Amino acid sequence: MAQRGSPRRERTVLSEKGTPQGGVISPLLANIYLHEVLDKWFEQEAKPRLQGQCFLVRFADDFVIGCELESDAQRLLAVLPKRFRTLRPDDPSDEDEARKVQQAKTE
């Protein structure tokens, strides 16, 4: 939070790829992408293979997956980065992010 009397400095960084953070197109593109990559896959491919009950709740580019069984949650946690990479095979950040989540969980 900026203090009274202190100038607030903002820096703009232009990117060659992707959409601008907070841009009006970002939620629309995220909704289209996640509908194809996450929503359909979860209902048609992942959910039938799980042993317990599971659900997916999504709002724009945020989502929560709830699982009755921890084994199902672990399985989905392992598979999700691979699923997201299906459309971006050259981006290692998904795998790195999953590894960070797993490490934080064990610490």
N, C-alpha and C. Protein backbone atom coordinates (compact mmCIF):
# COMPACT_ATOMS: atom_id res chain seq x y z
N MET A 1 0.84 -1.18 0.00
CA MET A 1 0.00 0.00 0.00
C MET A 1 0.88 1.24 0.00
N ALA A 2 0.57 2.19 -0.84
CA ALA A 2 1.37 3.41 -0.94
C ALA A 2 1.08 4.30 0.27
N GLN A 3 2.13 4.92 0.77
CA GLN A 3 1.96 5.83 1.90
C GLN A 3 1.67 7.23 1.38
N ARG A 4 1.02 8.02 2.22
CA ARG A 4 0.67 9.38 1.84
C ARG A 4 1.94 10.17 1.55
N GLY A 5 1.93 10.88 0.44
CA GLY A 5 3.06 11.73 0.11
C GLY A 5 4.17 11.02 -0.66
N SER A 6 4.11 9.71 -0.77
CA SER A 6 5.17 9.01 -1.50
C SER A 6 4.70 8.76 -2.93
N PRO A 7 5.54 9.06 -3.88
CA PRO A 7 5.13 8.82 -5.27
C PRO A 7 5.05 7.32 -5.55
N ARG A 8 4.07 6.95 -6.28
CA ARG A 8 3.90 5.54 -6.63
C ARG A 8 4.47 5.34 -8.03
N ARG A 9 5.44 4.46 -8.11
CA ARG A 9 6.09 4.21 -9.41
C ARG A 9 5.56 2.90 -9.99
N GLU A 10 5.17 2.98 -11.23
CA GLU A 10 4.71 1.79 -11.93
C GLU A 10 5.57 1.60 -13.17
N ARG A 11 5.84 0.37 -13.47
CA ARG A 11 6.67 0.05 -14.62
C ARG A 11 5.87 -0.80 -15.58
N THR A 12 5.89 -0.46 -16.84
CA THR A 12 5.19 -1.23 -17.85
C THR A 12 6.19 -2.09 -18.59
N VAL A 13 5.89 -3.37 -18.66
CA VAL A 13 6.73 -4.31 -19.39
C VAL A 13 5.91 -4.89 -20.52
N LEU A 14 6.38 -4.70 -21.73
CA LEU A 14 5.68 -5.21 -22.89
C LEU A 14 6.17 -6.61 -23.21
N SER A 15 5.24 -7.47 -23.56
CA SER A 15 5.57 -8.85 -23.87
C SER A 15 5.28 -9.13 -25.34
N GLU A 16 6.07 -10.00 -25.91
CA GLU A 16 5.87 -10.37 -27.30
C GLU A 16 4.80 -11.45 -27.46
N LYS A 17 4.47 -12.18 -26.38
CA LYS A 17 3.49 -13.23 -26.50
C LYS A 17 2.51 -13.17 -25.34
N GLY A 18 1.37 -13.81 -25.53
CA GLY A 18 0.35 -13.83 -24.49
C GLY A 18 -0.54 -12.61 -24.54
N THR A 19 -1.38 -12.49 -23.53
CA THR A 19 -2.27 -11.34 -23.42
C THR A 19 -1.86 -10.54 -22.20
N PRO A 20 -2.14 -9.24 -22.20
CA PRO A 20 -1.73 -8.42 -21.06
C PRO A 20 -2.46 -8.82 -19.78
N GLN A 21 -1.74 -8.82 -18.67
CA GLN A 21 -2.35 -9.12 -17.38
C GLN A 21 -3.40 -8.07 -17.08
N GLY A 22 -4.60 -8.51 -16.77
CA GLY A 22 -5.67 -7.58 -16.46
C GLY A 22 -6.37 -7.04 -17.69
N GLY A 23 -5.94 -7.46 -18.87
CA GLY A 23 -6.57 -6.99 -20.10
C GLY A 23 -7.98 -7.58 -20.23
N VAL A 24 -8.82 -6.90 -20.99
CA VAL A 24 -10.20 -7.35 -21.13
C VAL A 24 -10.31 -8.65 -21.91
N ILE A 25 -9.32 -8.97 -22.72
CA ILE A 25 -9.38 -10.19 -23.52
C ILE A 25 -8.92 -11.41 -22.72
N SER A 26 -8.14 -11.20 -21.67
CA SER A 26 -7.60 -12.33 -20.90
C SER A 26 -8.66 -13.26 -20.35
N PRO A 27 -9.70 -12.77 -19.66
CA PRO A 27 -10.71 -13.69 -19.13
C PRO A 27 -11.45 -14.44 -20.22
N LEU A 28 -11.71 -13.79 -21.35
CA LEU A 28 -12.40 -14.45 -22.44
C LEU A 28 -11.55 -15.58 -23.01
N LEU A 29 -10.28 -15.31 -23.28
CA LEU A 29 -9.40 -16.34 -23.81
C LEU A 29 -9.18 -17.46 -22.80
N ALA A 30 -9.06 -17.12 -21.53
CA ALA A 30 -8.90 -18.13 -20.49
C ALA A 30 -10.13 -19.02 -20.42
N ASN A 31 -11.30 -18.44 -20.56
CA ASN A 31 -12.54 -19.20 -20.52
C ASN A 31 -12.61 -20.18 -21.69
N ILE A 32 -12.25 -19.74 -22.87
CA ILE A 32 -12.26 -20.62 -24.05
C ILE A 32 -11.22 -21.73 -23.88
N TYR A 33 -10.02 -21.36 -23.49
CA TYR A 33 -8.93 -22.33 -23.32
C TYR A 33 -9.29 -23.37 -22.27
N LEU A 34 -9.74 -22.91 -21.10
CA LEU A 34 -10.04 -23.85 -20.01
C LEU A 34 -11.27 -24.71 -20.31
N HIS A 35 -12.21 -24.19 -21.06
CA HIS A 35 -13.37 -25.00 -21.41
C HIS A 35 -12.91 -26.21 -22.23
N GLU A 36 -12.03 -25.97 -23.18
CA GLU A 36 -11.54 -27.05 -24.04
C GLU A 36 -10.54 -27.96 -23.32
N VAL A 37 -9.60 -27.36 -22.61
CA VAL A 37 -8.49 -28.12 -22.03
C VAL A 37 -8.83 -28.73 -20.67
N LEU A 38 -9.65 -28.07 -19.89
CA LEU A 38 -9.93 -28.54 -18.53
C LEU A 38 -11.34 -29.10 -18.37
N ASP A 39 -12.35 -28.30 -18.66
CA ASP A 39 -13.74 -28.71 -18.40
C ASP A 39 -14.13 -30.00 -19.11
N LYS A 40 -13.95 -30.01 -20.42
CA LYS A 40 -14.33 -31.19 -21.20
C LYS A 40 -13.49 -32.41 -20.80
N TRP A 41 -12.19 -32.20 -20.65
CA TRP A 41 -11.30 -33.30 -20.26
C TRP A 41 -11.69 -33.88 -18.90
N PHE A 42 -11.98 -33.01 -17.93
CA PHE A 42 -12.33 -33.47 -16.59
C PHE A 42 -13.58 -34.35 -16.63
N GLU A 43 -14.61 -33.88 -17.31
CA GLU A 43 -15.88 -34.62 -17.35
C GLU A 43 -15.79 -35.90 -18.19
N GLN A 44 -15.11 -35.82 -19.33
CA GLN A 44 -15.11 -36.95 -20.27
C GLN A 44 -13.98 -37.95 -20.04
N GLU A 45 -12.83 -37.49 -19.59
CA GLU A 45 -11.67 -38.36 -19.48
C GLU A 45 -11.26 -38.67 -18.03
N ALA A 46 -11.11 -37.64 -17.24
CA ALA A 46 -10.57 -37.83 -15.89
C ALA A 46 -11.59 -38.41 -14.92
N LYS A 47 -12.73 -37.78 -14.82
CA LYS A 47 -13.74 -38.17 -13.83
C LYS A 47 -14.14 -39.65 -13.91
N PRO A 48 -14.38 -40.19 -15.11
CA PRO A 48 -14.75 -41.62 -15.18
C PRO A 48 -13.65 -42.56 -14.68
N ARG A 49 -12.41 -42.11 -14.65
CA ARG A 49 -11.30 -42.97 -14.22
C ARG A 49 -11.02 -42.90 -12.72
N LEU A 50 -11.67 -41.99 -12.03
CA LEU A 50 -11.43 -41.81 -10.60
C LEU A 50 -12.31 -42.76 -9.80
N GLN A 51 -11.86 -43.10 -8.60
CA GLN A 51 -12.58 -44.07 -7.78
C GLN A 51 -13.67 -43.45 -6.92
N GLY A 52 -13.42 -42.25 -6.41
CA GLY A 52 -14.40 -41.58 -5.57
C GLY A 52 -15.11 -40.48 -6.33
N GLN A 53 -15.92 -39.74 -5.62
CA GLN A 53 -16.63 -38.61 -6.22
C GLN A 53 -15.69 -37.42 -6.33
N CYS A 54 -15.81 -36.67 -7.42
CA CYS A 54 -15.00 -35.47 -7.65
C CYS A 54 -15.86 -34.41 -8.30
N PHE A 55 -15.46 -33.17 -8.11
CA PHE A 55 -16.16 -32.07 -8.78
C PHE A 55 -15.16 -31.01 -9.21
N LEU A 56 -15.55 -30.23 -10.19
CA LEU A 56 -14.75 -29.13 -10.70
C LEU A 56 -15.61 -27.88 -10.65
N VAL A 57 -15.09 -26.83 -10.03
CA VAL A 57 -15.76 -25.54 -10.00
C VAL A 57 -14.80 -24.55 -10.64
N ARG A 58 -15.31 -23.80 -11.61
CA ARG A 58 -14.44 -22.85 -12.30
C ARG A 58 -15.13 -21.51 -12.45
N PHE A 59 -14.35 -20.45 -12.27
CA PHE A 59 -14.81 -19.09 -12.52
C PHE A 59 -13.70 -18.37 -13.27
N ALA A 60 -13.96 -18.02 -14.51
CA ALA A 60 -12.97 -17.38 -15.39
C ALA A 60 -11.72 -18.26 -15.46
N ASP A 61 -10.58 -17.77 -14.98
CA ASP A 61 -9.35 -18.56 -15.09
C ASP A 61 -8.95 -19.22 -13.77
N ASP A 62 -9.85 -19.25 -12.81
CA ASP A 62 -9.60 -19.93 -11.53
C ASP A 62 -10.44 -21.21 -11.48
N PHE A 63 -9.90 -22.23 -10.83
CA PHE A 63 -10.69 -23.44 -10.66
C PHE A 63 -10.28 -24.16 -9.37
N VAL A 64 -11.23 -24.95 -8.88
CA VAL A 64 -11.01 -25.79 -7.71
C VAL A 64 -11.52 -27.17 -8.06
N ILE A 65 -10.74 -28.18 -7.74
CA ILE A 65 -11.18 -29.56 -7.91
C ILE A 65 -11.26 -30.17 -6.52
N GLY A 66 -12.41 -30.74 -6.22
CA GLY A 66 -12.61 -31.41 -4.94
C GLY A 66 -12.70 -32.90 -5.16
N CYS A 67 -12.03 -33.66 -4.32
CA CYS A 67 -12.02 -35.12 -4.43
C CYS A 67 -12.38 -35.76 -3.10
N GLU A 68 -13.18 -36.77 -3.17
CA GLU A 68 -13.54 -37.53 -1.98
C GLU A 68 -12.32 -38.30 -1.45
N LEU A 69 -11.51 -38.84 -2.36
CA LEU A 69 -10.36 -39.66 -1.97
C LEU A 69 -9.04 -38.93 -2.26
N GLU A 70 -8.13 -39.02 -1.30
CA GLU A 70 -6.82 -38.38 -1.50
C GLU A 70 -6.08 -38.98 -2.68
N SER A 71 -6.25 -40.28 -2.92
CA SER A 71 -5.57 -40.93 -4.04
C SER A 71 -6.02 -40.32 -5.38
N ASP A 72 -7.30 -39.96 -5.49
CA ASP A 72 -7.78 -39.30 -6.71
C ASP A 72 -7.17 -37.90 -6.84
N ALA A 73 -7.08 -37.19 -5.72
CA ALA A 73 -6.49 -35.85 -5.74
C ALA A 73 -5.03 -35.92 -6.17
N GLN A 74 -4.29 -36.88 -5.64
CA GLN A 74 -2.88 -37.03 -6.02
C GLN A 74 -2.75 -37.37 -7.50
N ARG A 75 -3.62 -38.22 -7.98
CA ARG A 75 -3.59 -38.61 -9.39
C ARG A 75 -3.85 -37.40 -10.29
N LEU A 76 -4.85 -36.60 -9.94
CA LEU A 76 -5.15 -35.40 -10.73
C LEU A 76 -4.01 -34.39 -10.65
N LEU A 77 -3.43 -34.23 -9.47
CA LEU A 77 -2.31 -33.31 -9.30
C LEU A 77 -1.14 -33.69 -10.20
N ALA A 78 -0.94 -34.98 -10.38
CA ALA A 78 0.15 -35.46 -11.23
C ALA A 78 -0.17 -35.29 -12.72
N VAL A 79 -1.44 -35.40 -13.08
CA VAL A 79 -1.84 -35.38 -14.49
C VAL A 79 -2.10 -33.97 -15.02
N LEU A 80 -2.56 -33.05 -14.18
CA LEU A 80 -2.93 -31.72 -14.65
C LEU A 80 -1.82 -30.99 -15.41
N PRO A 81 -0.58 -30.96 -14.92
CA PRO A 81 0.45 -30.26 -15.70
C PRO A 81 0.63 -30.86 -17.09
N LYS A 82 0.53 -32.16 -17.21
CA LYS A 82 0.65 -32.81 -18.51
C LYS A 82 -0.51 -32.40 -19.41
N ARG A 83 -1.69 -32.31 -18.83
CA ARG A 83 -2.86 -31.91 -19.60
C ARG A 83 -2.70 -30.49 -20.13
N PHE A 84 -2.26 -29.58 -19.29
CA PHE A 84 -2.09 -28.20 -19.74
C PHE A 84 -0.98 -28.07 -20.77
N ARG A 85 0.00 -28.93 -20.72
CA ARG A 85 1.10 -28.90 -21.70
C ARG A 85 0.67 -29.42 -23.06
N THR A 86 -0.48 -30.08 -23.15
CA THR A 86 -0.88 -30.63 -24.45
C THR A 86 -0.99 -29.55 -25.51
N LEU A 87 -1.36 -28.36 -25.11
CA LEU A 87 -1.45 -27.25 -26.07
C LEU A 87 -0.24 -26.32 -26.03
N ARG A 88 0.66 -26.53 -25.07
CA ARG A 88 1.87 -25.70 -24.98
C ARG A 88 3.07 -26.59 -24.64
N PRO A 89 3.46 -27.45 -25.55
CA PRO A 89 4.51 -28.42 -25.24
C PRO A 89 5.89 -27.82 -25.00
N ASP A 90 6.10 -26.58 -25.43
CA ASP A 90 7.42 -25.96 -25.26
C ASP A 90 7.54 -25.14 -23.98
N ASP A 91 6.49 -25.11 -23.15
CA ASP A 91 6.49 -24.29 -21.94
C ASP A 91 6.71 -25.16 -20.71
N PRO A 92 7.89 -25.08 -20.08
CA PRO A 92 8.17 -25.92 -18.92
C PRO A 92 7.56 -25.40 -17.62
N SER A 93 6.95 -24.22 -17.62
CA SER A 93 6.48 -23.62 -16.37
C SER A 93 5.40 -24.45 -15.68
N ASP A 94 4.54 -25.14 -16.43
CA ASP A 94 3.49 -25.95 -15.81
C ASP A 94 4.10 -27.05 -14.94
N GLU A 95 5.09 -27.74 -15.48
CA GLU A 95 5.74 -28.82 -14.75
C GLU A 95 6.50 -28.27 -13.54
N ASP A 96 7.14 -27.12 -13.72
CA ASP A 96 7.86 -26.50 -12.62
C ASP A 96 6.90 -26.10 -11.50
N GLU A 97 5.75 -25.57 -11.87
CA GLU A 97 4.76 -25.14 -10.89
C GLU A 97 4.23 -26.34 -10.10
N ALA A 98 3.94 -27.43 -10.78
CA ALA A 98 3.46 -28.64 -10.10
C ALA A 98 4.51 -29.17 -9.14
N ARG A 99 5.76 -29.11 -9.54
CA ARG A 99 6.85 -29.57 -8.69
C ARG A 99 6.93 -28.70 -7.42
N LYS A 100 6.76 -27.38 -7.58
CA LYS A 100 6.80 -26.47 -6.42
C LYS A 100 5.65 -26.77 -5.45
N VAL A 101 4.47 -27.02 -6.00
CA VAL A 101 3.31 -27.34 -5.16
C VAL A 101 3.58 -28.63 -4.39
N GLN A 102 4.11 -29.63 -5.07
CA GLN A 102 4.38 -30.91 -4.43
C GLN A 102 5.44 -30.76 -3.35
N GLN A 103 6.49 -29.97 -3.62
CA GLN A 103 7.55 -29.75 -2.62
C GLN A 103 7.02 -29.01 -1.41
N ALA A 104 6.19 -28.01 -1.64
CA ALA A 104 5.63 -27.24 -0.52
C ALA A 104 4.74 -28.13 0.34
N LYS A 105 4.08 -29.05 -0.29
CA LYS A 105 3.18 -29.94 0.43
C LYS A 105 3.95 -30.89 1.34
N THR A 106 5.15 -31.32 0.92
CA THR A 106 5.94 -32.26 1.71
C THR A 106 6.76 -31.59 2.79
N GLU A 107 6.94 -30.29 2.71
CA GLU A 107 7.75 -29.57 3.71
C GLU A 107 7.01 -29.30 4.99
